[in-house]
Every structure is written in structure tokens, then in C-alpha cells.
Amino acid sequence: MNFPGTVIEAETLERGASKTLFQGIFATGGVTLSQIALMTGLENHTVQNWVKRGYVSSPKGRVYSKDQFARIVIINMLKECLSLENICTLIGHINGALDDESDDRIGDSELYHRYVDMIISVGKTFADSSEIKAAAMNACTDYSVGDTDTQWRLCDVLYIMAFSHYCAEAKKEAHRALTRIQSK
């Protein structure tokens, strides 16, 4: 099993696992483009293109911050089921202009950690959309910025991210099943 949006393997994923992972990755500061490529499986030019197009803010001194890395990971995991345009709309719903971190309502690393914890709490499968909505609401209830609009936006974003996750999982299973049929 991998951390969502990465090729980083984990034996099991438990609540708080992504925060622990990020603490280790960023113990000495930021990460380079080549390190991002190794951890995400993305090509360098893909990340550079996302920066150029304004999906991710520019690195400082060729080093990416924790939030920039999280944004790249979020885009990487969502692109399995959402177009880049829709991903931009989704992230912009909670964080405004994508290339300007000063207007963010929640840091991208915090958004990623809440998302991973929510997916862990729901598990591999879900019964219906109400279960996902409840998990999203639970994942944002303790996020207080004195602004209920931000909290509702966060719930909406997490809800959509969860469905994108399950869409990607279903797509992978469909491909595995198709491979089994083709090999017969």
C-alpha cells in the first residue's frame, strides 16, 4: 500500500501516518525536484509544467516546501479521476489562487493529512455517500479558523477528494480484472 499520490510504501496506514512521513521527509528542510520525482513517480517536466502553469507556486532556491510538495501530491492523486481544470477549481475552492499561498485558508500539507486520515477512517470501501459525507465532516470539525465558511469549504473539498480516491481505486480494480480476462 502506498501513501495516496506517492510511490512511498507503507505496511499499514494509521491516523497521523502522513504527518510522521512529512516530518521525516522535511527534517532537514525542503525537497528538490529530483526527490519529488522519486517520491511521486512524476517526471521532472510534469512538476515544472505545473509550476509554470501556476498550479504550484515556484520553489525557493530550487527547493520545494512542505505545502508545495503536498500540493503536488494532491494533484498527482486527484488526476487519476479529475481533469487538471477540475482539480484547480477544487483546490481554489478552499485556497483561492493556486500560485499564491498567502490567500490559503488551510495549508496544503494540513489538507493532505486530513484527507489521508479521513480515507484511513473510512477504509478501502464505502457503503454510500452519506458515510463519506460523515467522514468528511468529522475530518474538518476540529479545524477552527473562526470562519464557518472555511470549515464548510474544507468538508466539501474532502468529500470530493474521497470520491476521487474511490474512483481511482475502482479504476485500478477494473484494469486488474481486464488484465485477468486478457491473460486467459
N, C-alpha and C. Protein backbone atom coordinates (compact mmCIF):
# COMPACT_ATOMS: atom_id res chain seq x y z
N MET A 1 0.84 -1.16 0.00
CA MET A 1 0.00 0.00 0.00
C MET A 1 0.90 1.24 0.00
N ASN A 2 0.50 2.25 -0.76
CA ASN A 2 1.26 3.49 -0.85
C ASN A 2 0.49 4.64 -0.21
N PHE A 3 1.24 5.64 0.22
CA PHE A 3 0.59 6.88 0.64
C PHE A 3 -0.07 7.47 -0.60
N PRO A 4 -1.31 7.94 -0.48
CA PRO A 4 -2.02 8.48 -1.66
C PRO A 4 -1.20 9.55 -2.38
N GLY A 5 -1.13 9.42 -3.70
CA GLY A 5 -0.43 10.40 -4.53
C GLY A 5 1.07 10.21 -4.60
N THR A 6 1.58 9.16 -3.96
CA THR A 6 3.02 8.90 -3.94
C THR A 6 3.30 7.45 -4.32
N VAL A 7 4.58 7.15 -4.44
CA VAL A 7 5.01 5.76 -4.61
C VAL A 7 5.67 5.28 -3.32
N ILE A 8 5.49 6.03 -2.25
CA ILE A 8 6.07 5.68 -0.95
C ILE A 8 5.22 4.61 -0.30
N GLU A 9 5.85 3.47 -0.05
CA GLU A 9 5.13 2.33 0.50
C GLU A 9 5.00 2.42 2.02
N ALA A 10 3.90 1.87 2.51
CA ALA A 10 3.66 1.74 3.94
C ALA A 10 3.04 0.38 4.18
N GLU A 11 3.49 -0.29 5.24
CA GLU A 11 2.90 -1.60 5.56
C GLU A 11 1.43 -1.43 5.89
N THR A 12 1.14 -0.47 6.73
CA THR A 12 -0.22 -0.12 7.07
C THR A 12 -0.29 1.40 7.19
N LEU A 13 -1.46 1.93 6.97
CA LEU A 13 -1.66 3.36 7.15
C LEU A 13 -2.54 3.56 8.37
N GLU A 14 -2.04 4.33 9.30
CA GLU A 14 -2.79 4.65 10.52
C GLU A 14 -2.95 6.16 10.59
N ARG A 15 -3.91 6.61 11.39
CA ARG A 15 -4.10 8.05 11.57
C ARG A 15 -2.78 8.68 11.99
N GLY A 16 -2.46 9.80 11.38
CA GLY A 16 -1.23 10.51 11.70
C GLY A 16 -0.02 10.03 10.93
N ALA A 17 -0.18 8.97 10.13
CA ALA A 17 0.96 8.41 9.40
C ALA A 17 1.54 9.40 8.40
N SER A 18 0.68 10.18 7.74
CA SER A 18 1.20 11.13 6.75
C SER A 18 1.97 12.26 7.42
N LYS A 19 1.55 12.66 8.61
CA LYS A 19 2.30 13.70 9.33
C LYS A 19 3.68 13.17 9.71
N THR A 20 3.74 11.94 10.16
CA THR A 20 5.02 11.33 10.50
C THR A 20 5.92 11.24 9.28
N LEU A 21 5.33 10.84 8.15
CA LEU A 21 6.08 10.77 6.90
C LEU A 21 6.66 12.13 6.53
N PHE A 22 5.83 13.16 6.58
CA PHE A 22 6.28 14.51 6.22
C PHE A 22 7.36 15.01 7.18
N GLN A 23 7.24 14.67 8.46
CA GLN A 23 8.27 15.09 9.42
C GLN A 23 9.62 14.51 9.02
N GLY A 24 9.63 13.26 8.60
CA GLY A 24 10.87 12.63 8.17
C GLY A 24 11.41 13.23 6.88
N ILE A 25 10.53 13.45 5.92
CA ILE A 25 10.94 14.00 4.62
C ILE A 25 11.50 15.41 4.78
N PHE A 26 10.88 16.20 5.64
CA PHE A 26 11.26 17.61 5.77
C PHE A 26 12.09 17.91 7.01
N ALA A 27 12.70 16.88 7.58
CA ALA A 27 13.52 17.06 8.79
C ALA A 27 14.69 18.01 8.55
N THR A 28 15.19 18.04 7.34
CA THR A 28 16.33 18.90 7.03
C THR A 28 15.94 20.10 6.16
N GLY A 29 14.66 20.36 6.01
CA GLY A 29 14.22 21.49 5.19
C GLY A 29 13.36 21.02 4.03
N GLY A 30 13.54 21.65 2.88
CA GLY A 30 12.74 21.34 1.70
C GLY A 30 13.25 20.16 0.92
N VAL A 31 12.59 19.90 -0.21
CA VAL A 31 12.98 18.80 -1.08
C VAL A 31 13.23 19.34 -2.49
N THR A 32 14.06 18.64 -3.21
CA THR A 32 14.40 19.04 -4.57
C THR A 32 13.44 18.39 -5.56
N LEU A 33 13.50 18.87 -6.78
CA LEU A 33 12.66 18.33 -7.84
C LEU A 33 12.94 16.84 -8.06
N SER A 34 14.20 16.44 -8.03
CA SER A 34 14.52 15.03 -8.24
C SER A 34 13.98 14.17 -7.09
N GLN A 35 13.98 14.69 -5.88
CA GLN A 35 13.40 13.94 -4.75
C GLN A 35 11.88 13.82 -4.92
N ILE A 36 11.24 14.88 -5.37
CA ILE A 36 9.79 14.83 -5.62
C ILE A 36 9.49 13.78 -6.68
N ALA A 37 10.28 13.75 -7.74
CA ALA A 37 10.07 12.76 -8.80
C ALA A 37 10.19 11.34 -8.24
N LEU A 38 11.16 11.10 -7.39
CA LEU A 38 11.33 9.77 -6.79
C LEU A 38 10.16 9.39 -5.90
N MET A 39 9.63 10.36 -5.15
CA MET A 39 8.57 10.05 -4.19
C MET A 39 7.18 9.98 -4.82
N THR A 40 7.00 10.63 -5.98
CA THR A 40 5.68 10.66 -6.60
C THR A 40 5.57 9.83 -7.87
N GLY A 41 6.71 9.50 -8.47
CA GLY A 41 6.68 8.81 -9.75
C GLY A 41 6.42 9.74 -10.92
N LEU A 42 6.36 11.03 -10.65
CA LEU A 42 6.15 12.02 -11.71
C LEU A 42 7.46 12.34 -12.41
N GLU A 43 7.37 12.72 -13.66
CA GLU A 43 8.54 13.19 -14.40
C GLU A 43 8.85 14.63 -13.95
N ASN A 44 10.12 15.00 -13.97
CA ASN A 44 10.52 16.37 -13.59
C ASN A 44 9.76 17.41 -14.41
N HIS A 45 9.63 17.17 -15.71
CA HIS A 45 8.98 18.17 -16.56
C HIS A 45 7.51 18.34 -16.22
N THR A 46 6.86 17.32 -15.69
CA THR A 46 5.46 17.44 -15.29
C THR A 46 5.34 18.43 -14.14
N VAL A 47 6.19 18.28 -13.12
CA VAL A 47 6.16 19.19 -11.97
C VAL A 47 6.52 20.60 -12.43
N GLN A 48 7.53 20.73 -13.27
CA GLN A 48 7.92 22.05 -13.77
C GLN A 48 6.79 22.69 -14.55
N ASN A 49 6.05 21.90 -15.31
CA ASN A 49 4.90 22.40 -16.06
C ASN A 49 3.81 22.89 -15.12
N TRP A 50 3.57 22.16 -14.03
CA TRP A 50 2.56 22.59 -13.07
C TRP A 50 2.96 23.91 -12.42
N VAL A 51 4.25 24.10 -12.16
CA VAL A 51 4.72 25.37 -11.61
C VAL A 51 4.53 26.46 -12.64
N LYS A 52 4.93 26.19 -13.86
CA LYS A 52 4.83 27.17 -14.95
C LYS A 52 3.39 27.60 -15.18
N ARG A 53 2.45 26.65 -15.07
CA ARG A 53 1.03 26.93 -15.29
C ARG A 53 0.34 27.53 -14.06
N GLY A 54 1.08 27.64 -12.96
CA GLY A 54 0.53 28.26 -11.76
C GLY A 54 -0.24 27.34 -10.84
N TYR A 55 -0.18 26.04 -11.06
CA TYR A 55 -0.86 25.09 -10.19
C TYR A 55 -0.14 24.95 -8.85
N VAL A 56 1.18 25.20 -8.88
CA VAL A 56 2.04 25.12 -7.70
C VAL A 56 2.91 26.37 -7.71
N SER A 57 3.10 26.98 -6.55
CA SER A 57 3.96 28.16 -6.50
C SER A 57 5.41 27.77 -6.78
N SER A 58 6.20 28.74 -7.21
CA SER A 58 7.60 28.48 -7.57
C SER A 58 8.42 28.12 -6.34
N PRO A 59 9.34 27.17 -6.52
CA PRO A 59 10.22 26.81 -5.40
C PRO A 59 11.17 27.96 -5.08
N LYS A 60 11.64 27.97 -3.87
CA LYS A 60 12.61 28.99 -3.46
C LYS A 60 14.00 28.35 -3.49
N GLY A 61 14.85 28.88 -4.36
CA GLY A 61 16.21 28.32 -4.46
C GLY A 61 16.22 26.87 -4.86
N ARG A 62 15.33 26.48 -5.75
CA ARG A 62 15.23 25.10 -6.25
C ARG A 62 14.79 24.09 -5.19
N VAL A 63 14.25 24.58 -4.10
CA VAL A 63 13.80 23.71 -3.02
C VAL A 63 12.30 23.94 -2.81
N TYR A 64 11.57 22.85 -2.72
CA TYR A 64 10.12 22.90 -2.52
C TYR A 64 9.80 22.74 -1.04
N SER A 65 8.81 23.49 -0.59
CA SER A 65 8.38 23.44 0.80
C SER A 65 7.43 22.27 1.03
N LYS A 66 7.08 22.07 2.28
CA LYS A 66 6.13 21.02 2.67
C LYS A 66 4.78 21.22 1.98
N ASP A 67 4.29 22.46 1.96
CA ASP A 67 2.99 22.72 1.32
C ASP A 67 3.07 22.57 -0.19
N GLN A 68 4.17 22.96 -0.81
CA GLN A 68 4.32 22.78 -2.25
C GLN A 68 4.35 21.29 -2.59
N PHE A 69 5.08 20.52 -1.80
CA PHE A 69 5.13 19.07 -2.01
C PHE A 69 3.73 18.47 -1.86
N ALA A 70 3.02 18.89 -0.82
CA ALA A 70 1.66 18.38 -0.59
C ALA A 70 0.75 18.72 -1.76
N ARG A 71 0.87 19.94 -2.29
CA ARG A 71 0.05 20.34 -3.45
C ARG A 71 0.35 19.42 -4.64
N ILE A 72 1.61 19.14 -4.87
CA ILE A 72 2.00 18.25 -5.98
C ILE A 72 1.41 16.85 -5.76
N VAL A 73 1.48 16.36 -4.55
CA VAL A 73 0.94 15.03 -4.22
C VAL A 73 -0.58 15.02 -4.39
N ILE A 74 -1.24 16.07 -3.95
CA ILE A 74 -2.69 16.16 -4.08
C ILE A 74 -3.09 16.15 -5.56
N ILE A 75 -2.43 16.96 -6.36
CA ILE A 75 -2.74 16.99 -7.79
C ILE A 75 -2.47 15.62 -8.40
N ASN A 76 -1.36 15.01 -8.03
CA ASN A 76 -1.00 13.70 -8.57
C ASN A 76 -2.06 12.65 -8.26
N MET A 77 -2.58 12.64 -7.05
CA MET A 77 -3.56 11.61 -6.71
C MET A 77 -4.93 11.92 -7.33
N LEU A 78 -5.29 13.20 -7.45
CA LEU A 78 -6.60 13.55 -7.99
C LEU A 78 -6.67 13.41 -9.51
N LYS A 79 -5.52 13.51 -10.17
CA LYS A 79 -5.52 13.47 -11.64
C LYS A 79 -5.94 12.12 -12.20
N GLU A 80 -6.00 11.10 -11.37
CA GLU A 80 -6.46 9.80 -11.82
C GLU A 80 -7.93 9.84 -12.25
N CYS A 81 -8.72 10.72 -11.62
CA CYS A 81 -10.16 10.76 -11.91
C CYS A 81 -10.70 12.16 -12.23
N LEU A 82 -9.92 13.19 -11.99
CA LEU A 82 -10.37 14.56 -12.27
C LEU A 82 -9.43 15.22 -13.26
N SER A 83 -9.97 16.09 -14.09
CA SER A 83 -9.13 16.85 -15.01
C SER A 83 -8.34 17.88 -14.21
N LEU A 84 -7.24 18.35 -14.78
CA LEU A 84 -6.45 19.39 -14.10
C LEU A 84 -7.29 20.64 -13.85
N GLU A 85 -8.16 20.97 -14.79
CA GLU A 85 -9.04 22.13 -14.62
C GLU A 85 -9.95 21.95 -13.40
N ASN A 86 -10.52 20.76 -13.25
CA ASN A 86 -11.38 20.50 -12.09
C ASN A 86 -10.59 20.45 -10.79
N ILE A 87 -9.37 19.95 -10.84
CA ILE A 87 -8.52 19.95 -9.65
C ILE A 87 -8.23 21.38 -9.22
N CYS A 88 -7.95 22.24 -10.18
CA CYS A 88 -7.70 23.66 -9.88
C CYS A 88 -8.93 24.30 -9.24
N THR A 89 -10.10 23.99 -9.78
CA THR A 89 -11.34 24.51 -9.21
C THR A 89 -11.51 24.03 -7.77
N LEU A 90 -11.25 22.75 -7.55
CA LEU A 90 -11.40 22.17 -6.22
C LEU A 90 -10.45 22.81 -5.21
N ILE A 91 -9.18 22.89 -5.56
CA ILE A 91 -8.20 23.48 -4.64
C ILE A 91 -8.48 24.97 -4.46
N GLY A 92 -8.86 25.64 -5.54
CA GLY A 92 -9.20 27.05 -5.46
C GLY A 92 -10.41 27.32 -4.57
N HIS A 93 -11.30 26.36 -4.46
CA HIS A 93 -12.50 26.50 -3.61
C HIS A 93 -12.11 26.72 -2.15
N ILE A 94 -11.03 26.10 -1.73
CA ILE A 94 -10.58 26.24 -0.35
C ILE A 94 -9.41 27.21 -0.22
N ASN A 95 -8.59 27.33 -1.28
CA ASN A 95 -7.36 28.10 -1.14
C ASN A 95 -7.16 29.24 -2.14
N GLY A 96 -8.18 29.65 -2.81
CA GLY A 96 -8.05 30.81 -3.70
C GLY A 96 -7.09 30.57 -4.84
N ALA A 97 -6.27 31.58 -5.15
CA ALA A 97 -5.32 31.49 -6.26
C ALA A 97 -4.29 30.39 -5.98
N LEU A 98 -4.11 29.51 -6.95
CA LEU A 98 -3.24 28.35 -6.72
C LEU A 98 -1.78 28.71 -6.55
N ASP A 99 -1.33 29.76 -7.22
CA ASP A 99 0.10 30.10 -7.15
C ASP A 99 0.41 31.14 -6.08
N ASP A 100 -0.56 31.40 -5.20
CA ASP A 100 -0.38 32.39 -4.13
C ASP A 100 -0.77 31.76 -2.80
N GLU A 101 0.23 31.39 -2.01
CA GLU A 101 -0.04 30.72 -0.74
C GLU A 101 -0.56 31.68 0.33
N SER A 102 -0.45 32.98 0.11
CA SER A 102 -0.87 33.94 1.13
C SER A 102 -2.38 33.98 1.33
N ASP A 103 -3.15 33.50 0.34
CA ASP A 103 -4.61 33.51 0.48
C ASP A 103 -5.18 32.14 0.86
N ASP A 104 -4.31 31.19 1.20
CA ASP A 104 -4.77 29.85 1.57
C ASP A 104 -5.52 29.86 2.89
N ARG A 105 -6.64 29.18 2.91
CA ARG A 105 -7.42 29.03 4.13
C ARG A 105 -6.91 27.87 4.99
N ILE A 106 -6.24 26.93 4.33
CA ILE A 106 -5.64 25.78 5.01
C ILE A 106 -4.38 25.43 4.23
N GLY A 107 -3.32 25.12 4.94
CA GLY A 107 -2.10 24.71 4.25
C GLY A 107 -2.32 23.41 3.51
N ASP A 108 -1.68 23.27 2.37
CA ASP A 108 -1.85 22.05 1.59
C ASP A 108 -1.40 20.81 2.33
N SER A 109 -0.38 20.93 3.16
CA SER A 109 0.05 19.75 3.93
C SER A 109 -1.03 19.36 4.94
N GLU A 110 -1.65 20.33 5.57
CA GLU A 110 -2.74 20.04 6.52
C GLU A 110 -3.93 19.42 5.79
N LEU A 111 -4.24 19.93 4.61
CA LEU A 111 -5.32 19.36 3.80
C LEU A 111 -5.01 17.90 3.46
N TYR A 112 -3.79 17.63 3.05
CA TYR A 112 -3.38 16.26 2.72
C TYR A 112 -3.49 15.35 3.94
N HIS A 113 -3.00 15.81 5.09
CA HIS A 113 -3.06 14.97 6.30
C HIS A 113 -4.50 14.67 6.69
N ARG A 114 -5.37 15.65 6.62
CA ARG A 114 -6.78 15.42 6.95
C ARG A 114 -7.41 14.43 5.96
N TYR A 115 -7.04 14.57 4.69
CA TYR A 115 -7.55 13.67 3.67
C TYR A 115 -7.10 12.22 3.95
N VAL A 116 -5.81 12.02 4.18
CA VAL A 116 -5.29 10.67 4.44
C VAL A 116 -5.96 10.08 5.68
N ASP A 117 -6.06 10.85 6.75
CA ASP A 117 -6.71 10.35 7.96
C ASP A 117 -8.17 10.00 7.70
N MET A 118 -8.86 10.79 6.87
CA MET A 118 -10.26 10.50 6.56
C MET A 118 -10.37 9.20 5.78
N ILE A 119 -9.50 9.00 4.79
CA ILE A 119 -9.53 7.77 4.00
C ILE A 119 -9.24 6.56 4.89
N ILE A 120 -8.31 6.72 5.81
CA ILE A 120 -7.99 5.63 6.74
C ILE A 120 -9.21 5.30 7.60
N SER A 121 -9.93 6.33 8.06
CA SER A 121 -11.08 6.08 8.93
C SER A 121 -12.23 5.40 8.19
N VAL A 122 -12.38 5.67 6.90
CA VAL A 122 -13.46 5.07 6.13
C VAL A 122 -13.08 3.67 5.67
N GLY A 123 -11.85 3.47 5.29
CA GLY A 123 -11.39 2.17 4.82
C GLY A 123 -11.41 2.08 3.30
N LYS A 124 -11.12 0.91 2.80
CA LYS A 124 -10.98 0.69 1.35
C LYS A 124 -12.29 0.87 0.59
N THR A 125 -13.41 0.51 1.22
CA THR A 125 -14.69 0.59 0.53
C THR A 125 -15.65 1.43 1.35
N PHE A 126 -16.73 1.85 0.74
CA PHE A 126 -17.73 2.60 1.47
C PHE A 126 -19.12 2.16 1.04
N ALA A 127 -20.07 2.35 1.96
CA ALA A 127 -21.43 1.90 1.70
C ALA A 127 -22.20 2.90 0.85
N ASP A 128 -22.14 4.15 1.18
CA ASP A 128 -22.86 5.15 0.41
C ASP A 128 -22.26 6.54 0.65
N SER A 129 -22.81 7.52 -0.05
CA SER A 129 -22.26 8.88 0.02
C SER A 129 -22.44 9.50 1.40
N SER A 130 -23.45 9.06 2.16
CA SER A 130 -23.65 9.63 3.49
C SER A 130 -22.50 9.26 4.42
N GLU A 131 -21.92 8.07 4.23
CA GLU A 131 -20.77 7.66 5.02
C GLU A 131 -19.55 8.54 4.72
N ILE A 132 -19.36 8.85 3.44
CA ILE A 132 -18.26 9.72 3.04
C ILE A 132 -18.49 11.13 3.56
N LYS A 133 -19.71 11.62 3.47
CA LYS A 133 -20.03 12.96 3.97
C LYS A 133 -19.77 13.04 5.47
N ALA A 134 -20.15 12.01 6.20
CA ALA A 134 -19.92 11.98 7.65
C ALA A 134 -18.42 11.98 7.96
N ALA A 135 -17.66 11.20 7.20
CA ALA A 135 -16.20 11.16 7.40
C ALA A 135 -15.57 12.51 7.09
N ALA A 136 -16.04 13.16 6.03
CA ALA A 136 -15.52 14.49 5.67
C ALA A 136 -15.85 15.50 6.76
N MET A 137 -17.07 15.46 7.27
CA MET A 137 -17.46 16.39 8.33
C MET A 137 -16.64 16.13 9.59
N ASN A 138 -16.41 14.87 9.91
CA ASN A 138 -15.61 14.52 11.06
C ASN A 138 -14.17 15.02 10.90
N ALA A 139 -13.64 14.93 9.68
CA ALA A 139 -12.26 15.34 9.41
C ALA A 139 -12.06 16.85 9.49
N CYS A 140 -13.14 17.60 9.42
CA CYS A 140 -12.97 19.05 9.47
C CYS A 140 -13.59 19.70 10.70
N THR A 141 -14.19 18.92 11.58
CA THR A 141 -14.87 19.52 12.74
C THR A 141 -13.90 20.24 13.68
N ASP A 142 -12.70 19.74 13.83
CA ASP A 142 -11.76 20.38 14.74
C ASP A 142 -10.90 21.45 14.06
N TYR A 143 -11.18 21.72 12.78
CA TYR A 143 -10.44 22.76 12.09
C TYR A 143 -11.15 24.08 12.33
N SER A 144 -10.58 24.88 13.20
CA SER A 144 -11.24 26.14 13.53
C SER A 144 -10.33 27.32 13.16
N VAL A 145 -10.87 28.15 12.33
CA VAL A 145 -10.18 29.39 11.96
C VAL A 145 -11.09 30.57 12.25
N GLY A 146 -12.15 30.31 13.03
CA GLY A 146 -13.12 31.36 13.34
C GLY A 146 -14.00 31.70 12.15
N ASP A 147 -14.07 30.78 11.20
CA ASP A 147 -14.77 31.05 9.96
C ASP A 147 -15.50 29.78 9.54
N THR A 148 -16.82 29.75 9.71
CA THR A 148 -17.56 28.54 9.37
C THR A 148 -17.58 28.28 7.87
N ASP A 149 -17.46 29.33 7.05
CA ASP A 149 -17.40 29.15 5.61
C ASP A 149 -16.19 28.29 5.23
N THR A 150 -15.05 28.56 5.85
CA THR A 150 -13.85 27.77 5.57
C THR A 150 -14.06 26.32 5.97
N GLN A 151 -14.68 26.10 7.11
CA GLN A 151 -14.93 24.73 7.57
C GLN A 151 -15.84 23.99 6.59
N TRP A 152 -16.87 24.65 6.08
CA TRP A 152 -17.77 24.00 5.12
C TRP A 152 -17.06 23.75 3.80
N ARG A 153 -16.22 24.71 3.39
CA ARG A 153 -15.46 24.51 2.15
C ARG A 153 -14.51 23.32 2.30
N LEU A 154 -13.88 23.21 3.45
CA LEU A 154 -12.98 22.08 3.71
C LEU A 154 -13.75 20.77 3.64
N CYS A 155 -14.92 20.71 4.23
CA CYS A 155 -15.74 19.49 4.16
C CYS A 155 -16.09 19.15 2.71
N ASP A 156 -16.47 20.16 1.93
CA ASP A 156 -16.79 19.92 0.52
C ASP A 156 -15.59 19.37 -0.23
N VAL A 157 -14.43 19.96 -0.02
CA VAL A 157 -13.22 19.54 -0.72
C VAL A 157 -12.85 18.11 -0.33
N LEU A 158 -12.88 17.80 0.96
CA LEU A 158 -12.55 16.45 1.42
C LEU A 158 -13.53 15.42 0.86
N TYR A 159 -14.79 15.78 0.79
CA TYR A 159 -15.83 14.90 0.24
C TYR A 159 -15.51 14.56 -1.22
N ILE A 160 -15.18 15.55 -2.00
CA ILE A 160 -14.86 15.34 -3.41
C ILE A 160 -13.55 14.57 -3.56
N MET A 161 -12.57 14.89 -2.74
CA MET A 161 -11.29 14.17 -2.78
C MET A 161 -11.50 12.68 -2.48
N ALA A 162 -12.37 12.39 -1.53
CA ALA A 162 -12.63 10.99 -1.17
C ALA A 162 -13.25 10.24 -2.34
N PHE A 163 -14.21 10.84 -3.01
CA PHE A 163 -14.82 10.17 -4.15
C PHE A 163 -13.82 9.99 -5.28
N SER A 164 -12.94 10.94 -5.46
CA SER A 164 -11.89 10.80 -6.46
C SER A 164 -10.98 9.61 -6.11
N HIS A 165 -10.68 9.47 -4.82
CA HIS A 165 -9.86 8.35 -4.34
C HIS A 165 -10.53 7.02 -4.67
N TYR A 166 -11.82 6.90 -4.34
CA TYR A 166 -12.52 5.65 -4.58
C TYR A 166 -12.70 5.40 -6.07
N CYS A 167 -12.84 6.46 -6.85
CA CYS A 167 -12.89 6.33 -8.30
C CYS A 167 -11.58 5.74 -8.81
N ALA A 168 -10.46 6.26 -8.32
CA ALA A 168 -9.14 5.75 -8.73
C ALA A 168 -8.97 4.29 -8.33
N GLU A 169 -9.41 3.94 -7.13
CA GLU A 169 -9.32 2.54 -6.68
C GLU A 169 -10.17 1.64 -7.56
N ALA A 170 -11.38 2.08 -7.91
CA ALA A 170 -12.25 1.30 -8.78
C ALA A 170 -11.63 1.15 -10.17
N LYS A 171 -11.03 2.20 -10.66
CA LYS A 171 -10.37 2.16 -11.97
C LYS A 171 -9.22 1.15 -11.96
N LYS A 172 -8.43 1.14 -10.90
CA LYS A 172 -7.33 0.17 -10.79
C LYS A 172 -7.87 -1.26 -10.77
N GLU A 173 -8.94 -1.48 -10.03
CA GLU A 173 -9.52 -2.83 -9.96
C GLU A 173 -10.08 -3.24 -11.32
N ALA A 174 -10.69 -2.31 -12.04
CA ALA A 174 -11.20 -2.62 -13.38
C ALA A 174 -10.05 -3.02 -14.30
N HIS A 175 -8.92 -2.33 -14.20
CA HIS A 175 -7.76 -2.67 -15.03
C HIS A 175 -7.19 -4.04 -14.63
N ARG A 176 -7.16 -4.35 -13.33
CA ARG A 176 -6.68 -5.67 -12.89
C ARG A 176 -7.59 -6.77 -13.44
N ALA A 177 -8.90 -6.54 -13.36
CA ALA A 177 -9.85 -7.53 -13.86
C ALA A 177 -9.72 -7.69 -15.37
N LEU A 178 -9.53 -6.62 -16.08
CA LEU A 178 -9.35 -6.68 -17.52
C LEU A 178 -8.08 -7.44 -17.88
N THR A 179 -7.03 -7.24 -17.13
CA THR A 179 -5.77 -7.95 -17.35
C THR A 179 -5.98 -9.45 -17.16
N ARG A 180 -6.75 -9.83 -16.14
CA ARG A 180 -7.03 -11.25 -15.91
C ARG A 180 -7.78 -11.84 -17.11
N ILE A 181 -8.74 -11.10 -17.64
CA ILE A 181 -9.51 -11.58 -18.79
C ILE A 181 -8.60 -11.72 -20.01
N GLN A 182 -7.74 -10.75 -20.20
CA GLN A 182 -6.84 -10.76 -21.37
C GLN A 182 -5.82 -11.89 -21.29
N SER A 183 -5.45 -12.29 -20.11
CA SER A 183 -4.42 -13.32 -19.96
C SER A 183 -4.98 -14.74 -20.10
N LYS A 184 -6.29 -14.87 -20.21
CA LYS A 184 -6.89 -16.21 -20.33
C LYS A 184 -6.88 -16.68 -21.77
